[in-house]
């Protein structure tokens, strides 16, 4: 049975997943900083030549975040709730995944890392605000 209580619990779970993802992402960023020192700024294509476990976890974990928020989207729609917040979150998650792929495949274009972090924090903030609104 679908209700607002399910949304709240799923939203809290999604917030927890985002905190984990941001935390693991900082580990990936630290790894990239170490690679930058090792290979230099001009050899961006080598930074992920031997990725750490954190990188693979961070990349794969994004699928879980997308699926959980996709479920939030479906439940919100079935409950005829306002779709404003979940629509924004889903769009931002798609942008986040695209930027992550661009960083990997195009050797970290300028401003991609801060944009990636900013969007992650924005997703968390919107989810938290949405949680406060339905409480």
Foldseek 3Di string as FASTA:
>chain_A
DADVVVLLVLLVVLLVLLVVLLVLVVVQVVQLVVLCVVPNPVPLLCSVVPGDPSVVCSLVSLVVSLVSLVVSQVSCVVVVHDCVLSVVLNVLSVVLNVLSVCCNPVRHPPPSVVVNSVSSVVSSVSSVVVSVVSD
